[in-house]
Amino acid sequence: MSTIRISRPKRPWTVSPATVLPTALVMRLFRRHWNYTVVLDGRPAGKLGNQEVKVLAVEPGEHRFHLRFVQLRRSGEMRVDLAEGEERTFVSGTSGLGWPTLREATTEDVAEGQRTPTSEP
């Protein structure tokens, strides 16, 4: 088995006109829907909340995944080819306009992710 680990660390807010208006509108419309849905190979694989780490056990080979927010917004699709026993770590966040983002983790992200609660299937 191989592992895909996706973390969503808490980030400080930056105030700018590009973030204030869209964020205020989203907060009014979707107050209780702050979790992202992890979509792995075209199927929902679970929810990812703020300050959580989602661990997905997958078969070795090529996989595609992205994050979705309330059916309206989604991150770019990530493609990863995993060998047997390989583990890859990714970090999610939000762009200035409220779109989910997804990128490969750096060493600083991995160190921060070790202090975050883990959500396993």
N, C-alpha and C. Protein backbone atom coordinates (compact mmCIF):
# COMPACT_ATOMS: atom_id res chain seq x y z
N MET A 1 0.83 -1.19 0.00
CA MET A 1 0.00 0.00 0.00
C MET A 1 0.87 1.25 0.00
N SER A 2 0.37 2.27 -0.61
CA SER A 2 1.02 3.58 -0.64
C SER A 2 0.12 4.56 0.09
N THR A 3 0.64 5.76 0.37
CA THR A 3 -0.11 6.73 1.16
C THR A 3 -0.05 8.11 0.52
N ILE A 4 -1.21 8.76 0.49
CA ILE A 4 -1.31 10.17 0.13
C ILE A 4 -1.77 10.89 1.38
N ARG A 5 -1.01 11.90 1.80
CA ARG A 5 -1.32 12.65 3.02
C ARG A 5 -1.59 14.09 2.60
N ILE A 6 -2.79 14.60 2.91
CA ILE A 6 -3.17 15.97 2.56
C ILE A 6 -3.43 16.72 3.85
N SER A 7 -2.73 17.83 4.08
CA SER A 7 -2.95 18.62 5.29
C SER A 7 -3.55 19.97 4.94
N ARG A 8 -4.25 20.53 5.90
CA ARG A 8 -4.86 21.85 5.74
C ARG A 8 -4.54 22.67 6.98
N PRO A 9 -3.36 23.29 7.01
CA PRO A 9 -2.96 24.07 8.19
C PRO A 9 -3.73 25.37 8.28
N LYS A 10 -3.83 25.89 9.47
CA LYS A 10 -4.48 27.18 9.67
C LYS A 10 -3.52 28.28 9.25
N ARG A 11 -3.97 29.16 8.42
CA ARG A 11 -3.14 30.26 7.92
C ARG A 11 -3.70 31.59 8.43
N PRO A 12 -2.84 32.57 8.71
CA PRO A 12 -3.34 33.89 9.11
C PRO A 12 -4.02 34.58 7.93
N TRP A 13 -5.08 35.32 8.23
CA TRP A 13 -5.80 36.04 7.19
C TRP A 13 -5.03 37.28 6.79
N THR A 14 -5.06 37.57 5.50
CA THR A 14 -4.53 38.83 5.00
C THR A 14 -5.70 39.63 4.48
N VAL A 15 -5.75 40.87 4.80
CA VAL A 15 -6.89 41.70 4.43
C VAL A 15 -6.55 42.48 3.17
N SER A 16 -7.37 42.31 2.15
CA SER A 16 -7.26 43.07 0.92
C SER A 16 -8.65 43.09 0.29
N PRO A 17 -8.92 44.00 -0.62
CA PRO A 17 -10.24 44.02 -1.27
C PRO A 17 -10.57 42.72 -1.99
N ALA A 18 -9.55 42.02 -2.46
CA ALA A 18 -9.79 40.76 -3.16
C ALA A 18 -10.25 39.65 -2.22
N THR A 19 -9.93 39.74 -0.94
CA THR A 19 -10.34 38.68 -0.01
C THR A 19 -11.56 39.05 0.82
N VAL A 20 -11.75 40.32 1.14
CA VAL A 20 -12.82 40.71 2.05
C VAL A 20 -14.20 40.47 1.45
N LEU A 21 -14.48 40.95 0.27
CA LEU A 21 -15.80 40.81 -0.31
C LEU A 21 -16.16 39.35 -0.61
N PRO A 22 -15.34 38.59 -1.33
CA PRO A 22 -15.71 37.19 -1.58
C PRO A 22 -15.84 36.38 -0.30
N THR A 23 -14.99 36.62 0.66
CA THR A 23 -15.06 35.88 1.92
C THR A 23 -16.33 36.21 2.67
N ALA A 24 -16.71 37.47 2.70
CA ALA A 24 -17.94 37.87 3.38
C ALA A 24 -19.16 37.24 2.73
N LEU A 25 -19.18 37.20 1.40
CA LEU A 25 -20.31 36.58 0.71
C LEU A 25 -20.38 35.09 0.97
N VAL A 26 -19.26 34.41 0.92
CA VAL A 26 -19.24 32.97 1.16
C VAL A 26 -19.65 32.68 2.60
N MET A 27 -19.19 33.48 3.56
CA MET A 27 -19.55 33.25 4.95
C MET A 27 -21.05 33.39 5.17
N ARG A 28 -21.68 34.33 4.49
CA ARG A 28 -23.12 34.51 4.64
C ARG A 28 -23.90 33.36 4.01
N LEU A 29 -23.45 32.86 2.88
CA LEU A 29 -24.18 31.82 2.19
C LEU A 29 -23.93 30.43 2.75
N PHE A 30 -22.71 30.15 3.14
CA PHE A 30 -22.33 28.79 3.53
C PHE A 30 -21.64 28.76 4.88
N ARG A 31 -22.30 29.19 5.92
CA ARG A 31 -21.67 29.29 7.22
C ARG A 31 -21.16 27.95 7.76
N ARG A 32 -21.84 26.87 7.50
CA ARG A 32 -21.50 25.60 8.12
C ARG A 32 -20.71 24.67 7.21
N HIS A 33 -20.37 25.08 6.02
CA HIS A 33 -19.72 24.21 5.05
C HIS A 33 -18.27 24.59 4.81
N TRP A 34 -17.43 24.51 5.85
CA TRP A 34 -16.06 24.93 5.69
C TRP A 34 -15.14 23.77 5.35
N ASN A 35 -15.65 22.57 5.29
CA ASN A 35 -14.81 21.43 4.95
C ASN A 35 -14.68 21.28 3.45
N TYR A 36 -13.51 20.82 3.02
CA TYR A 36 -13.29 20.49 1.62
C TYR A 36 -13.57 19.00 1.44
N THR A 37 -14.05 18.63 0.27
CA THR A 37 -14.20 17.23 -0.08
C THR A 37 -12.99 16.82 -0.90
N VAL A 38 -12.34 15.74 -0.50
CA VAL A 38 -11.21 15.20 -1.24
C VAL A 38 -11.76 14.24 -2.28
N VAL A 39 -11.49 14.49 -3.55
CA VAL A 39 -11.95 13.64 -4.64
C VAL A 39 -10.75 12.90 -5.21
N LEU A 40 -10.73 11.58 -5.03
CA LEU A 40 -9.62 10.73 -5.46
C LEU A 40 -10.09 9.84 -6.59
N ASP A 41 -9.46 9.93 -7.74
CA ASP A 41 -9.81 9.14 -8.93
C ASP A 41 -11.28 9.25 -9.28
N GLY A 42 -11.83 10.47 -9.17
CA GLY A 42 -13.21 10.72 -9.57
C GLY A 42 -14.26 10.39 -8.53
N ARG A 43 -13.86 9.92 -7.34
CA ARG A 43 -14.83 9.57 -6.30
C ARG A 43 -14.49 10.30 -5.01
N PRO A 44 -15.51 10.76 -4.26
CA PRO A 44 -15.24 11.41 -2.98
C PRO A 44 -14.54 10.44 -2.02
N ALA A 45 -13.48 10.92 -1.37
CA ALA A 45 -12.69 10.07 -0.47
C ALA A 45 -12.74 10.57 0.96
N GLY A 46 -13.56 11.57 1.25
CA GLY A 46 -13.68 12.07 2.61
C GLY A 46 -13.62 13.58 2.67
N LYS A 47 -13.77 14.09 3.88
CA LYS A 47 -13.76 15.54 4.13
C LYS A 47 -12.45 15.94 4.78
N LEU A 48 -12.04 17.16 4.51
CA LEU A 48 -10.83 17.73 5.09
C LEU A 48 -11.19 19.05 5.73
N GLY A 49 -11.16 19.09 7.07
CA GLY A 49 -11.49 20.31 7.81
C GLY A 49 -10.26 21.15 8.07
N ASN A 50 -10.48 22.30 8.68
CA ASN A 50 -9.39 23.21 9.00
C ASN A 50 -8.50 22.58 10.06
N GLN A 51 -7.21 22.67 9.90
CA GLN A 51 -6.19 22.13 10.80
C GLN A 51 -6.28 20.61 10.91
N GLU A 52 -6.61 19.94 9.83
CA GLU A 52 -6.68 18.48 9.80
C GLU A 52 -5.71 17.93 8.77
N VAL A 53 -5.41 16.64 8.92
CA VAL A 53 -4.60 15.92 7.95
C VAL A 53 -5.42 14.71 7.52
N LYS A 54 -5.63 14.55 6.23
CA LYS A 54 -6.36 13.40 5.68
C LYS A 54 -5.34 12.43 5.13
N VAL A 55 -5.39 11.18 5.60
CA VAL A 55 -4.47 10.14 5.16
C VAL A 55 -5.25 9.15 4.31
N LEU A 56 -4.82 8.97 3.06
CA LEU A 56 -5.50 8.07 2.12
C LEU A 56 -4.57 6.91 1.78
N ALA A 57 -4.99 5.70 2.09
CA ALA A 57 -4.23 4.51 1.72
C ALA A 57 -4.69 4.10 0.32
N VAL A 58 -3.77 4.05 -0.62
CA VAL A 58 -4.11 3.75 -2.02
C VAL A 58 -3.20 2.66 -2.55
N GLU A 59 -3.63 2.04 -3.62
CA GLU A 59 -2.81 1.05 -4.30
C GLU A 59 -1.68 1.76 -5.06
N PRO A 60 -0.55 1.11 -5.24
CA PRO A 60 0.52 1.73 -6.03
C PRO A 60 0.04 1.98 -7.47
N GLY A 61 0.56 3.02 -8.07
CA GLY A 61 0.18 3.37 -9.44
C GLY A 61 -0.15 4.84 -9.54
N GLU A 62 -0.75 5.22 -10.67
CA GLU A 62 -1.08 6.63 -10.91
C GLU A 62 -2.45 6.96 -10.35
N HIS A 63 -2.53 8.10 -9.66
CA HIS A 63 -3.78 8.57 -9.08
C HIS A 63 -3.95 10.05 -9.38
N ARG A 64 -5.21 10.48 -9.47
CA ARG A 64 -5.55 11.89 -9.67
C ARG A 64 -6.45 12.30 -8.52
N PHE A 65 -6.23 13.50 -8.01
CA PHE A 65 -7.11 13.98 -6.95
C PHE A 65 -7.16 15.50 -6.95
N HIS A 66 -8.22 16.03 -6.37
CA HIS A 66 -8.38 17.46 -6.20
C HIS A 66 -9.28 17.70 -4.99
N LEU A 67 -9.42 18.96 -4.59
CA LEU A 67 -10.29 19.35 -3.50
C LEU A 67 -11.49 20.10 -4.06
N ARG A 68 -12.63 19.89 -3.42
CA ARG A 68 -13.86 20.55 -3.86
C ARG A 68 -14.49 21.26 -2.67
N PHE A 69 -15.00 22.46 -2.89
CA PHE A 69 -15.66 23.24 -1.84
C PHE A 69 -17.11 23.47 -2.24
N VAL A 70 -18.03 22.85 -1.58
CA VAL A 70 -19.48 23.01 -1.75
C VAL A 70 -19.91 22.91 -3.21
N GLN A 71 -19.39 22.00 -3.97
CA GLN A 71 -19.75 21.75 -5.36
C GLN A 71 -19.47 22.93 -6.29
N LEU A 72 -19.10 24.08 -5.75
CA LEU A 72 -18.94 25.27 -6.58
C LEU A 72 -17.51 25.51 -7.03
N ARG A 73 -16.58 25.25 -6.14
CA ARG A 73 -15.19 25.58 -6.43
C ARG A 73 -14.32 24.37 -6.22
N ARG A 74 -13.28 24.25 -7.04
CA ARG A 74 -12.36 23.12 -6.89
C ARG A 74 -10.94 23.56 -7.18
N SER A 75 -10.03 22.83 -6.59
CA SER A 75 -8.61 23.11 -6.80
C SER A 75 -8.17 22.50 -8.13
N GLY A 76 -6.97 22.82 -8.52
CA GLY A 76 -6.40 22.17 -9.68
C GLY A 76 -6.17 20.69 -9.40
N GLU A 77 -6.19 19.89 -10.44
CA GLU A 77 -6.02 18.44 -10.26
C GLU A 77 -4.55 18.09 -10.12
N MET A 78 -4.24 17.24 -9.17
CA MET A 78 -2.89 16.74 -8.96
C MET A 78 -2.83 15.31 -9.48
N ARG A 79 -1.76 14.99 -10.19
CA ARG A 79 -1.52 13.62 -10.64
C ARG A 79 -0.25 13.13 -9.97
N VAL A 80 -0.32 11.93 -9.42
CA VAL A 80 0.82 11.39 -8.70
C VAL A 80 0.96 9.91 -9.04
N ASP A 81 2.20 9.49 -9.27
CA ASP A 81 2.50 8.09 -9.54
C ASP A 81 3.26 7.54 -8.34
N LEU A 82 2.66 6.61 -7.61
CA LEU A 82 3.23 6.10 -6.37
C LEU A 82 3.77 4.69 -6.55
N ALA A 83 4.94 4.45 -5.96
CA ALA A 83 5.52 3.11 -5.92
C ALA A 83 5.02 2.41 -4.66
N GLU A 84 5.29 1.13 -4.54
CA GLU A 84 4.88 0.36 -3.37
C GLU A 84 5.52 0.95 -2.11
N GLY A 85 4.69 1.26 -1.10
CA GLY A 85 5.18 1.78 0.17
C GLY A 85 5.56 3.25 0.18
N GLU A 86 5.40 3.95 -0.94
CA GLU A 86 5.76 5.37 -1.01
C GLU A 86 4.69 6.23 -0.36
N GLU A 87 5.14 7.32 0.28
CA GLU A 87 4.22 8.27 0.89
C GLU A 87 4.51 9.66 0.35
N ARG A 88 3.47 10.36 -0.11
CA ARG A 88 3.61 11.72 -0.62
C ARG A 88 2.71 12.63 0.21
N THR A 89 3.18 13.84 0.47
CA THR A 89 2.45 14.79 1.30
C THR A 89 2.12 16.03 0.49
N PHE A 90 0.89 16.51 0.65
CA PHE A 90 0.39 17.70 -0.04
C PHE A 90 -0.23 18.64 0.98
N VAL A 91 -0.26 19.93 0.63
CA VAL A 91 -0.82 20.96 1.51
C VAL A 91 -1.93 21.68 0.76
N SER A 92 -3.05 21.88 1.44
CA SER A 92 -4.15 22.61 0.85
C SER A 92 -4.30 23.96 1.53
N GLY A 93 -5.01 24.84 0.89
CA GLY A 93 -5.26 26.17 1.42
C GLY A 93 -6.36 26.83 0.62
N THR A 94 -6.40 28.15 0.67
CA THR A 94 -7.42 28.91 -0.05
C THR A 94 -6.75 30.09 -0.73
N SER A 95 -7.12 30.33 -1.99
CA SER A 95 -6.59 31.49 -2.69
C SER A 95 -7.28 32.75 -2.18
N GLY A 96 -6.83 33.90 -2.62
CA GLY A 96 -7.43 35.16 -2.20
C GLY A 96 -8.88 35.32 -2.58
N LEU A 97 -9.33 34.58 -3.57
CA LEU A 97 -10.73 34.66 -4.00
C LEU A 97 -11.57 33.51 -3.48
N GLY A 98 -11.03 32.70 -2.60
CA GLY A 98 -11.80 31.63 -1.99
C GLY A 98 -11.72 30.28 -2.69
N TRP A 99 -10.87 30.14 -3.69
CA TRP A 99 -10.72 28.87 -4.38
C TRP A 99 -9.78 27.96 -3.59
N PRO A 100 -10.10 26.67 -3.46
CA PRO A 100 -9.16 25.76 -2.80
C PRO A 100 -7.87 25.64 -3.61
N THR A 101 -6.76 25.53 -2.92
CA THR A 101 -5.46 25.32 -3.57
C THR A 101 -4.85 24.02 -3.06
N LEU A 102 -3.97 23.44 -3.86
CA LEU A 102 -3.33 22.18 -3.50
C LEU A 102 -1.94 22.18 -4.10
N ARG A 103 -0.94 21.84 -3.29
CA ARG A 103 0.44 21.80 -3.76
C ARG A 103 1.21 20.75 -2.99
N GLU A 104 2.36 20.36 -3.53
CA GLU A 104 3.23 19.40 -2.84
C GLU A 104 3.86 20.09 -1.64
N ALA A 105 4.00 19.35 -0.53
CA ALA A 105 4.50 19.92 0.72
C ALA A 105 6.01 20.11 0.68
N THR A 106 6.48 21.16 1.34
CA THR A 106 7.90 21.40 1.52
C THR A 106 8.32 20.80 2.88
N THR A 107 9.59 20.85 3.21
CA THR A 107 10.04 20.30 4.50
C THR A 107 9.45 21.08 5.68
N GLU A 108 9.25 22.40 5.53
CA GLU A 108 8.63 23.20 6.59
C GLU A 108 7.17 22.79 6.79
N ASP A 109 6.47 22.51 5.68
CA ASP A 109 5.07 22.06 5.77
C ASP A 109 4.97 20.72 6.47
N VAL A 110 5.90 19.82 6.20
CA VAL A 110 5.88 18.49 6.82
C VAL A 110 6.11 18.62 8.32
N ALA A 111 7.04 19.49 8.73
CA ALA A 111 7.31 19.69 10.15
C ALA A 111 6.08 20.27 10.85
N GLU A 112 5.39 21.20 10.22
CA GLU A 112 4.18 21.79 10.80
C GLU A 112 3.05 20.77 10.84
N GLY A 113 2.97 19.92 9.84
CA GLY A 113 1.91 18.92 9.76
C GLY A 113 2.01 17.85 10.84
N GLN A 114 3.18 17.65 11.39
CA GLN A 114 3.34 16.67 12.45
C GLN A 114 2.71 17.12 13.74
N ARG A 115 2.39 18.40 13.86
CA ARG A 115 1.73 18.93 15.05
C ARG A 115 0.23 19.03 14.86
N THR A 116 -0.32 18.50 13.76
CA THR A 116 -1.73 18.63 13.42
C THR A 116 -2.44 17.29 13.61
N PRO A 117 -3.70 17.28 14.14
CA PRO A 117 -4.42 16.02 14.29
C PRO A 117 -4.62 15.31 12.95
N THR A 118 -4.59 13.98 12.98
CA THR A 118 -4.71 13.19 11.76
C THR A 118 -6.10 12.57 11.65
N SER A 119 -6.69 12.62 10.47
CA SER A 119 -7.97 11.99 10.19
C SER A 119 -7.71 10.81 9.27
N GLU A 120 -7.88 9.60 9.77
CA GLU A 120 -7.62 8.40 8.97
C GLU A 120 -8.91 7.72 8.62
N PRO A 121 -8.96 7.03 7.45
CA PRO A 121 -10.20 6.36 7.04
C PRO A 121 -10.56 5.18 7.92
